[in-house]
């Protein structure tokens, strides 16, 4: 997190570090990589690109872990992921009074305030500086004001309000197996994975994982969510869920693509294709969607991994 940014126009912005490069590429493409045909493939490729940067630039000898949501869905605060130990992804935020979080923007299933909400004070990421955002904050606090310009510098702490209320309802084994087994085509699968009909209060597994952080800044901001390092474990788990779904019928599903190139087709746009480009900016080479559809190179791409 201390390496300088590669972003060519970073001067005068909040893009200060190499880590910020990854946050910035997500911010810049948020409206064209969520609720879209490329949602799964773009995030798969982003996580793979980030993993390569950890190895090639930071000397990390391992592999990208995933968040086993269901294992700790009933008590995420005391899980090895969030217990604040030296091997965790840091703990909950300090207690800070706040109202419920209207994470879905519909007024339905507002997340009850938990025992956190403030700055993370334990574990490896205690004291890190979040440089970018917020752009679309969800946890209602007076200081959570959206920046005027997308890449403005706004240094602040990492906050969390870890929510068993969310995780116990939307990230259980039943939630995961249902989204895999009950959706036989890619359009239904990715729609329900992402949350389905937010107006009914359904978070789905994707939003459920993000909002296990309680909507706190930056994890609860759709633009700046990679600012919380647990983002990478969460999206590795999303990728694993897609991988499992693909492997139920690899002949049909390895190259199954559906949806358009705008968020929930607003404004209306063309369908996505396997030739559409996944742009990683300064973080790595771009790729067409097609080669990234297989994690073991069946579609001619560079990926070579499986999940356990």
Protein backbone atom coordinates (compact mmCIF):
# COMPACT_ATOMS: atom_id res chain seq x y z
CA UNK A 1 0.00 0.00 0.00
CA UNK A 2 3.04 2.27 0.15
CA UNK A 3 4.20 1.87 -3.44
CA UNK A 4 3.52 4.96 -5.61
CA UNK A 5 0.63 5.04 -8.05
CA UNK A 6 1.16 4.24 -11.71
CA UNK A 7 -1.85 6.23 -12.86
CA UNK A 8 -0.47 8.77 -15.32
CA UNK A 9 -2.74 11.63 -14.28
CA UNK A 10 -2.51 10.95 -10.54
CA UNK A 11 -0.94 14.30 -9.66
CA UNK A 12 -3.44 16.52 -7.94
CA UNK A 13 -5.80 13.61 -7.24
CA UNK A 14 -6.36 11.14 -4.43
CA UNK A 15 -4.66 8.37 -6.40
CA UNK A 16 -1.56 8.27 -4.23
CA UNK A 17 -0.53 4.60 -4.02
CA UNK A 18 -0.34 1.48 -6.15
CA UNK A 19 -3.33 0.20 -4.17
CA UNK A 20 -5.26 3.32 -5.14
CA UNK A 21 -4.70 2.39 -8.80
CA UNK A 22 -6.94 -0.63 -8.23
CA UNK A 23 -9.57 1.36 -6.36
CA UNK A 24 -9.55 3.98 -9.13
CA UNK A 25 -10.12 1.54 -11.99
CA UNK A 26 -13.16 0.17 -10.15
CA UNK A 27 -14.46 3.68 -9.48
CA UNK A 28 -14.02 4.72 -13.09
CA UNK A 29 -15.96 1.75 -14.47
CA UNK A 30 -18.54 1.17 -11.72
CA UNK A 31 -21.57 1.99 -13.86
CA UNK A 32 -20.48 -0.34 -16.67
CA UNK A 33 -19.34 -3.38 -14.63
CA UNK A 34 -22.31 -3.91 -12.29
CA UNK A 35 -25.69 -5.22 -13.40
CA UNK A 36 -24.05 -5.81 -16.78
CA UNK A 37 -23.02 -8.70 -19.02
CA UNK A 38 -19.39 -8.27 -17.95
CA UNK A 39 -20.00 -8.11 -14.18
CA UNK A 40 -18.63 -11.57 -13.43
CA UNK A 41 -15.82 -11.63 -15.98
CA UNK A 42 -14.61 -8.07 -15.23
CA UNK A 43 -14.35 -8.75 -11.51
CA UNK A 44 -12.75 -12.16 -12.13
CA UNK A 45 -10.08 -10.51 -14.23
CA UNK A 46 -9.63 -7.65 -11.75
CA UNK A 47 -9.03 -10.04 -8.84
CA UNK A 48 -6.58 -12.07 -10.96
CA UNK A 49 -4.75 -8.88 -11.96
CA UNK A 50 -4.56 -7.79 -8.31
CA UNK A 51 -3.22 -11.20 -7.29
CA UNK A 52 -0.49 -10.91 -9.93
CA UNK A 53 0.46 -7.47 -8.62
CA UNK A 54 0.76 -8.85 -5.09
CA UNK A 55 3.15 -11.51 -6.35
CA UNK A 56 5.13 -9.59 -8.95
CA UNK A 57 5.39 -6.24 -7.21
CA UNK A 58 5.09 -7.03 -3.50
CA UNK A 59 6.80 -10.41 -3.19
CA UNK A 60 3.67 -12.21 -1.98
CA UNK A 61 4.38 -15.96 -2.34
CA UNK A 62 0.82 -17.26 -1.97
CA UNK A 63 -2.49 -17.20 -3.76
CA UNK A 64 -5.61 -15.05 -3.54
CA UNK A 65 -7.78 -16.44 -0.72
CA UNK A 66 -11.56 -16.27 -0.78
CA UNK A 67 -14.00 -15.42 1.98
CA UNK A 68 -15.94 -18.51 3.00
CA UNK A 69 -19.03 -16.46 3.80
CA UNK A 70 -21.20 -19.30 5.04
CA UNK A 71 -18.70 -20.70 7.54
CA UNK A 72 -18.96 -17.59 9.68
CA UNK A 73 -22.31 -16.16 8.56
CA UNK A 74 -23.84 -16.35 12.04
CA UNK A 75 -20.94 -14.64 13.82
CA UNK A 76 -18.62 -12.79 11.41
CA UNK A 77 -17.30 -10.43 14.09
CA UNK A 78 -15.56 -13.27 15.94
CA UNK A 79 -14.42 -15.10 12.82
CA UNK A 80 -10.71 -15.44 11.95
CA UNK A 81 -11.38 -12.97 9.15
CA UNK A 82 -12.48 -10.11 11.43
CA UNK A 83 -11.19 -10.96 14.90
CA UNK A 84 -8.52 -8.28 14.74
CA UNK A 85 -5.62 -10.71 15.07
CA UNK A 86 -2.36 -10.34 13.15
CA UNK A 87 -3.55 -12.87 10.56
CA UNK A 88 -7.01 -11.35 10.11
CA UNK A 89 -8.27 -8.75 7.67
CA UNK A 90 -8.50 -6.48 10.74
CA UNK A 91 -11.40 -6.18 13.11
CA UNK A 92 -14.62 -4.27 13.43
CA UNK A 93 -14.69 -0.51 13.70
CA UNK A 94 -14.78 1.26 17.05
CA UNK A 95 -18.29 1.99 18.28
CA UNK A 96 -19.77 5.10 16.72
CA UNK A 97 -23.46 5.89 17.12
CA UNK A 98 -25.43 5.96 13.86
CA UNK A 99 -28.84 5.21 12.47
CA UNK A 100 -29.77 2.27 10.27
CA UNK A 101 -28.12 2.05 6.85
CA UNK A 102 -30.39 2.23 3.79
CA UNK A 103 -27.93 0.16 1.79
CA UNK A 104 -30.29 -0.75 -1.05
CA UNK A 105 -31.64 2.76 -1.44
CA UNK A 106 -35.20 1.49 -1.27
CA UNK A 107 -36.02 2.05 2.39
CA UNK A 108 -36.55 -1.71 2.76
CA UNK A 109 -34.35 -3.80 5.07
CA UNK A 110 -32.38 -0.87 6.42
CA UNK A 111 -29.37 -2.40 8.21
CA UNK A 112 -29.70 -1.97 12.00
CA UNK A 113 -26.76 -0.18 13.60
CA UNK A 114 -24.24 -2.56 15.09
CA UNK A 115 -21.46 -2.30 17.65
CA UNK A 116 -18.99 -0.68 15.24
CA UNK A 117 -19.27 2.11 12.68
CA UNK A 118 -16.05 3.92 13.45
CA UNK A 119 -12.38 3.51 12.55
CA UNK A 120 -10.79 0.06 12.50
CA UNK A 121 -8.28 -0.06 15.34
CA UNK A 122 -7.03 -3.67 15.36
CA UNK A 123 -5.27 -6.00 12.97
CA UNK A 124 -2.99 -5.42 9.97
CA UNK A 125 -5.06 -2.65 8.40
CA UNK A 126 -5.56 -0.53 11.51
CA UNK A 127 -4.46 2.98 10.75
CA UNK A 128 -4.41 2.72 6.96
CA UNK A 129 -5.48 5.78 5.01
CA UNK A 130 -8.36 5.68 2.55
CA UNK A 131 -7.56 8.29 -0.08
CA UNK A 132 -10.46 8.11 -2.53
CA UNK A 133 -14.19 8.71 -2.18
CA UNK A 134 -16.77 8.46 -0.89
CA UNK A 135 -18.81 8.74 -4.07
CA UNK A 136 -22.05 7.06 -3.01
CA UNK A 137 -21.89 6.61 0.80
CA UNK A 138 -24.64 4.55 2.41
CA UNK A 139 -24.03 4.71 6.17
CA UNK A 140 -25.64 7.98 7.21
CA UNK A 141 -23.14 10.01 9.20
CA UNK A 142 -22.56 13.77 9.03
CA UNK A 143 -18.95 13.35 7.88
CA UNK A 144 -19.85 10.91 5.09
CA UNK A 145 -20.15 13.47 2.30
CA UNK A 146 -19.57 12.53 -1.33
CA UNK A 147 -16.54 14.14 -2.94
CA UNK A 148 -17.14 16.84 -5.51
CA UNK A 149 -14.95 15.26 -8.19
CA UNK A 150 -14.50 11.51 -8.67
CA UNK A 151 -10.79 11.32 -7.80
CA UNK A 152 -10.53 14.08 -5.21
CA UNK A 153 -8.10 13.42 -2.36
CA UNK A 154 -10.00 12.79 0.85
CA UNK A 155 -7.73 11.06 3.42
CA UNK A 156 -9.58 9.30 6.23
CA UNK A 157 -9.65 6.04 8.18
CA UNK A 158 -11.05 2.63 7.25
CA UNK A 159 -14.42 2.13 8.93
CA UNK A 160 -16.57 -0.96 9.53
CA UNK A 161 -19.78 -1.91 11.28
CA UNK A 162 -19.77 -5.68 10.78
CA UNK A 163 -23.33 -6.94 10.56
CA UNK A 164 -24.43 -10.46 11.53
CA UNK A 165 -27.92 -9.22 10.64
CA UNK A 166 -26.89 -9.11 6.98
CA UNK A 167 -24.56 -12.11 6.83
CA UNK A 168 -26.97 -14.49 8.60
CA UNK A 169 -29.73 -13.74 6.08
CA UNK A 170 -27.88 -13.51 2.76
CA UNK A 171 -24.53 -15.34 2.93
CA UNK A 172 -25.42 -18.76 4.33
CA UNK A 173 -24.84 -22.14 2.68
CA UNK A 174 -28.52 -22.16 1.74
CA UNK A 175 -28.26 -18.77 0.06
CA UNK A 176 -25.24 -19.89 -1.95
CA UNK A 177 -26.56 -23.29 -3.02
CA UNK A 178 -29.92 -21.78 -3.94
CA UNK A 179 -28.37 -19.22 -6.29
CA UNK A 180 -26.30 -21.98 -7.91
CA UNK A 181 -29.02 -24.60 -8.19
CA UNK A 182 -32.13 -22.54 -8.89
CA UNK A 183 -30.82 -20.43 -11.76
CA UNK A 184 -30.27 -22.43 -14.92
CA UNK A 185 -29.23 -19.61 -17.26
CA UNK A 186 -26.60 -16.92 -16.86
CA UNK A 187 -29.02 -13.99 -16.89
CA UNK A 188 -31.00 -15.35 -13.93
CA UNK A 189 -27.87 -16.53 -12.13
CA UNK A 190 -26.03 -13.22 -12.19
CA UNK A 191 -29.19 -11.20 -11.51
CA UNK A 192 -30.06 -13.16 -8.38
CA UNK A 193 -26.43 -13.42 -7.29
CA UNK A 194 -26.22 -9.63 -7.31
CA UNK A 195 -29.41 -9.27 -5.31
CA UNK A 196 -32.31 -9.63 -7.69
CA UNK A 197 -35.08 -7.18 -6.93
CA UNK A 198 -33.67 -4.67 -4.45
CA UNK A 199 -37.13 -3.12 -4.06
CA UNK A 200 -38.17 -6.21 -2.10
CA UNK A 201 -35.22 -5.86 0.25
CA UNK A 202 -33.26 -8.79 -1.19
CA UNK A 203 -29.51 -8.23 -0.85
CA UNK A 204 -28.46 -11.44 -2.55
CA UNK A 205 -25.08 -13.03 -1.93
CA UNK A 206 -23.10 -10.28 -3.68
CA UNK A 207 -24.55 -7.29 -1.86
CA UNK A 208 -24.87 -9.47 1.26
CA UNK A 209 -21.11 -9.91 1.39
CA UNK A 210 -20.41 -6.25 0.78
CA UNK A 211 -22.92 -5.11 3.38
CA UNK A 212 -21.69 -7.54 6.01
CA UNK A 213 -19.37 -4.57 6.53
CA UNK A 214 -22.47 -2.65 7.56
CA UNK A 215 -22.40 0.00 4.86
CA UNK A 216 -19.44 1.74 6.50
CA UNK A 217 -16.95 3.75 4.44
CA UNK A 218 -15.48 2.67 2.07
CA UNK A 219 -16.86 -0.89 1.91
CA UNK A 220 -20.49 0.21 1.64
CA UNK A 221 -19.88 2.50 -1.35
CA UNK A 222 -20.40 0.74 -4.69
CA UNK A 223 -17.72 2.91 -6.29
CA UNK A 224 -15.03 2.79 -3.61
CA UNK A 225 -15.65 -0.65 -2.06
CA UNK A 226 -12.16 -1.95 -3.03
CA UNK A 227 -10.80 0.58 -0.53
CA UNK A 228 -11.55 -2.04 2.14
CA UNK A 229 -9.03 -4.85 1.56
CA UNK A 230 -11.64 -7.52 2.32
CA UNK A 231 -13.13 -6.65 -1.09
CA UNK A 232 -10.64 -8.99 -2.74
CA UNK A 233 -11.62 -11.97 -0.60
CA UNK A 234 -15.28 -11.22 -1.19
CA UNK A 235 -14.95 -11.05 -4.96
CA UNK A 236 -12.79 -14.16 -5.01
CA UNK A 237 -15.76 -15.86 -3.33
CA UNK A 238 -18.11 -14.39 -5.95
CA UNK A 239 -15.78 -15.79 -8.61
CA UNK A 240 -15.77 -19.18 -6.87
CA UNK A 241 -19.58 -19.21 -6.83
CA UNK A 242 -19.66 -18.48 -10.57
CA UNK A 243 -16.98 -21.15 -11.12
CA UNK A 244 -19.10 -23.73 -9.31
CA UNK A 245 -22.15 -22.71 -11.36
CA UNK A 246 -20.15 -23.01 -14.58
CA UNK A 247 -18.91 -26.46 -13.63
CA UNK A 248 -22.43 -27.83 -13.25
CA UNK A 249 -22.66 -27.76 -17.07
CA UNK A 250 -19.28 -26.73 -18.48
CA UNK A 251 -20.15 -27.37 -22.12
CA UNK A 252 -22.98 -24.84 -22.01
CA UNK A 253 -21.92 -22.52 -19.20
CA UNK A 254 -18.21 -21.88 -19.75
CA UNK A 255 -19.02 -19.28 -22.41
CA UNK A 256 -22.52 -18.34 -21.21
CA UNK A 257 -22.95 -14.56 -21.31
CA UNK A 258 -26.06 -12.44 -20.87
CA UNK A 259 -27.10 -8.87 -20.26
CA UNK A 260 -26.25 -5.48 -21.71
CA UNK A 261 -23.39 -3.03 -21.29
CA UNK A 262 -25.17 -0.58 -18.94
CA UNK A 263 -26.21 -1.13 -15.33
CA UNK A 264 -29.53 -2.98 -15.39
CA UNK A 265 -29.85 -1.75 -18.98
CA UNK A 266 -30.33 1.88 -17.95
CA UNK A 267 -30.06 3.59 -20.33
CA UNK A 268 -31.00 0.89 -22.80
CA UNK A 269 -27.94 -0.51 -24.58
CA UNK A 270 -26.76 -3.39 -26.75
CA UNK A 271 -26.11 -6.88 -25.44
CA UNK A 272 -22.64 -7.68 -24.21
CA UNK A 273 -20.45 -9.98 -26.31
CA UNK A 274 -17.45 -12.22 -25.69
CA UNK A 275 -15.41 -9.74 -27.74
CA UNK A 276 -16.07 -6.83 -25.36
CA UNK A 277 -12.91 -5.58 -23.66
CA UNK A 278 -12.14 -5.83 -19.95
CA UNK A 279 -10.02 -2.73 -19.27
CA UNK A 280 -7.58 -2.93 -16.35
CA UNK A 281 -5.93 0.42 -17.05
CA UNK A 282 -2.45 0.73 -15.52
CA UNK A 283 -2.96 -2.44 -13.50
CA UNK A 284 -2.43 -4.97 -16.27
CA UNK A 285 -3.17 -5.86 -19.88
CA UNK A 286 -6.73 -5.65 -21.17
CA UNK A 287 -8.52 -8.76 -22.37
CA UNK A 288 -11.65 -9.66 -24.27
CA UNK A 289 -14.29 -11.33 -22.13
CA UNK A 290 -14.04 -14.65 -23.99
CA UNK A 291 -10.58 -15.72 -22.79
CA UNK A 292 -11.50 -14.97 -19.16
CA UNK A 293 -14.57 -17.21 -19.13
CA UNK A 294 -12.51 -20.24 -18.12
CA UNK A 295 -10.22 -20.34 -15.08
CA UNK A 296 -8.16 -23.15 -16.61
CA UNK A 297 -7.53 -21.74 -20.07
CA UNK A 298 -10.26 -23.61 -21.96
CA UNK A 299 -11.16 -20.41 -23.80
CA UNK A 300 -7.59 -19.48 -24.64
CA UNK A 301 -6.97 -17.09 -21.79
CA UNK A 302 -4.15 -16.65 -19.28
CA UNK A 303 -6.02 -17.86 -16.18
CA UNK A 304 -4.86 -21.08 -14.53
CA UNK A 305 -6.49 -21.80 -11.17
CA UNK A 306 -9.24 -23.79 -9.47
CA UNK A 307 -11.05 -23.43 -6.16
CA UNK A 308 -11.39 -25.84 -3.25
